[in-house]
Amino acid sequence: FGTDTLPGEDIVPPLASIRMAIERAAPDGSRITLDEALRAYTADAAFAEFSEDQKGTLRPGKLADFVLFDRDFRRAPVSAISAARVRMTVVGGRVMYESRCAGSSFTRLLPRLD
């Protein structure tokens, strides 16, 4: 699964794609877990483009690109994943977007990666 599409085709938003990946069963009836889907979008995607030393996980010395959502996907029903709202976007360890709802309380939760 993923969000790559051919030109002219509808793009599936990443959260909707993650939800579909969890809900859909393979021909043998097996399903992937939320953790497997998130890993596919992060660490596995970085590995696929040969950049796992720079991104894909939050570790000291890496880019620290990530998004903070308004809910914990592990505690929310799968049906709520695609409705999640972005509260903060961090690129290169710097806050690039913070919703008015996020406030400074989210900034205190950010990990120090230096």
Protein backbone atom coordinates (compact mmCIF):
# COMPACT_ATOMS: atom_id res chain seq x y z
CA PHE A 1 0.00 0.00 0.00
CA GLY A 2 1.01 3.59 -0.33
CA THR A 3 0.08 6.95 -1.73
CA ASP A 4 1.90 6.77 -5.06
CA THR A 5 -0.49 7.04 -8.00
CA LEU A 6 -0.33 7.49 -11.74
CA PRO A 7 -0.86 11.02 -13.07
CA GLY A 8 -4.56 11.80 -13.40
CA GLU A 9 -5.65 9.32 -10.74
CA ASP A 10 -7.09 10.28 -7.38
CA ILE A 11 -4.54 10.49 -4.59
CA VAL A 12 -5.46 8.60 -1.43
CA PRO A 13 -4.57 10.65 1.67
CA PRO A 14 -1.96 8.91 3.86
CA LEU A 15 -4.24 8.45 6.90
CA ALA A 16 -6.99 6.95 4.75
CA SER A 17 -4.40 4.64 3.21
CA ILE A 18 -3.21 3.52 6.67
CA ARG A 19 -6.79 2.88 7.73
CA MET A 20 -7.47 0.83 4.58
CA ALA A 21 -4.26 -1.12 5.08
CA ILE A 22 -5.37 -2.14 8.57
CA GLU A 23 -8.98 -2.90 7.63
CA ARG A 24 -8.41 -4.83 4.42
CA ALA A 25 -7.65 -8.50 4.59
CA ALA A 26 -5.16 -10.24 2.32
CA PRO A 27 -6.46 -13.17 0.24
CA ASP A 28 -5.46 -15.50 3.07
CA GLY A 29 -7.50 -13.45 5.57
CA SER A 30 -4.49 -11.94 7.36
CA ARG A 31 -4.30 -8.25 8.20
CA ILE A 32 -1.47 -5.94 9.10
CA THR A 33 -1.36 -4.19 12.45
CA LEU A 34 -1.31 -0.45 13.09
CA ASP A 35 2.35 -0.69 14.07
CA GLU A 36 3.16 -2.49 10.80
CA ALA A 37 1.30 0.15 8.78
CA LEU A 38 3.06 3.03 10.55
CA ARG A 39 6.44 1.31 10.12
CA ALA A 40 5.70 0.91 6.38
CA TYR A 41 5.15 4.66 6.11
CA THR A 42 8.21 5.60 8.14
CA ALA A 43 11.19 3.28 8.64
CA ASP A 44 10.40 0.98 5.70
CA ALA A 45 9.85 3.91 3.33
CA ALA A 46 13.18 5.44 4.35
CA PHE A 47 14.87 2.07 3.81
CA ALA A 48 13.29 1.74 0.36
CA GLU A 49 14.84 5.04 -0.73
CA PHE A 50 18.22 4.27 0.89
CA SER A 51 17.89 7.10 3.42
CA GLU A 52 17.35 5.16 6.65
CA ASP A 53 20.48 6.81 8.11
CA GLN A 54 18.73 10.21 7.81
CA LYS A 55 15.04 9.55 8.43
CA GLY A 56 12.37 6.97 9.15
CA THR A 57 12.84 6.85 12.92
CA LEU A 58 13.34 9.45 15.65
CA ARG A 59 16.96 9.09 16.70
CA PRO A 60 19.77 11.55 17.56
CA GLY A 61 21.41 12.83 14.39
CA LYS A 62 18.42 12.16 12.12
CA LEU A 63 16.21 14.79 10.50
CA ALA A 64 13.42 14.64 13.10
CA ASP A 65 10.56 15.08 10.61
CA PHE A 66 7.23 14.09 12.12
CA VAL A 67 3.58 15.00 12.56
CA LEU A 68 1.65 15.16 15.83
CA PHE A 69 -2.04 14.31 15.56
CA ASP A 70 -5.01 15.13 17.77
CA ARG A 71 -5.41 11.52 18.90
CA ASP A 72 -3.45 8.44 19.86
CA PHE A 73 -4.08 5.97 17.03
CA ARG A 74 -3.43 3.05 19.37
CA ARG A 75 -6.32 4.11 21.60
CA ALA A 76 -8.73 5.34 18.93
CA PRO A 77 -10.96 3.07 16.88
CA VAL A 78 -9.54 2.29 13.44
CA SER A 79 -12.49 4.13 11.89
CA ALA A 80 -11.24 7.36 13.52
CA ILE A 81 -7.75 7.30 11.98
CA SER A 82 -8.65 9.00 8.70
CA ALA A 83 -10.48 11.78 10.59
CA ALA A 84 -7.42 12.74 12.66
CA ARG A 85 -6.30 16.36 12.51
CA VAL A 86 -2.72 17.59 12.42
CA ARG A 87 -1.80 19.54 15.54
CA MET A 88 1.88 20.04 14.77
CA THR A 89 4.38 19.42 11.97
CA VAL A 90 8.09 19.26 12.74
CA VAL A 91 10.70 19.30 9.97
CA GLY A 92 14.38 18.97 10.74
CA GLY A 93 13.58 19.26 14.43
CA ARG A 94 11.90 22.67 13.99
CA VAL A 95 8.19 23.29 14.49
CA MET A 96 6.89 24.34 11.08
CA TYR A 97 3.17 24.24 11.86
CA GLU A 98 1.25 24.29 15.10
CA SER A 99 -2.52 24.50 15.21
CA ARG A 100 -4.14 27.05 17.45
CA CYS A 101 -5.60 24.14 19.39
CA ALA A 102 -2.17 22.66 20.13
CA GLY A 103 -0.85 25.46 22.29
CA SER A 104 2.50 25.31 24.03
CA SER A 105 1.64 22.11 25.91
CA PHE A 106 2.51 19.99 22.85
CA THR A 107 5.88 21.66 22.41
CA ARG A 108 6.87 20.50 25.90
CA LEU A 109 6.19 16.91 24.82
CA LEU A 110 8.65 16.98 21.93
CA PRO A 111 11.65 14.69 22.41
CA ARG A 112 15.11 16.19 22.54
CA LEU A 113 17.18 14.51 19.85
CA ASP A 114 20.49 16.36 20.17
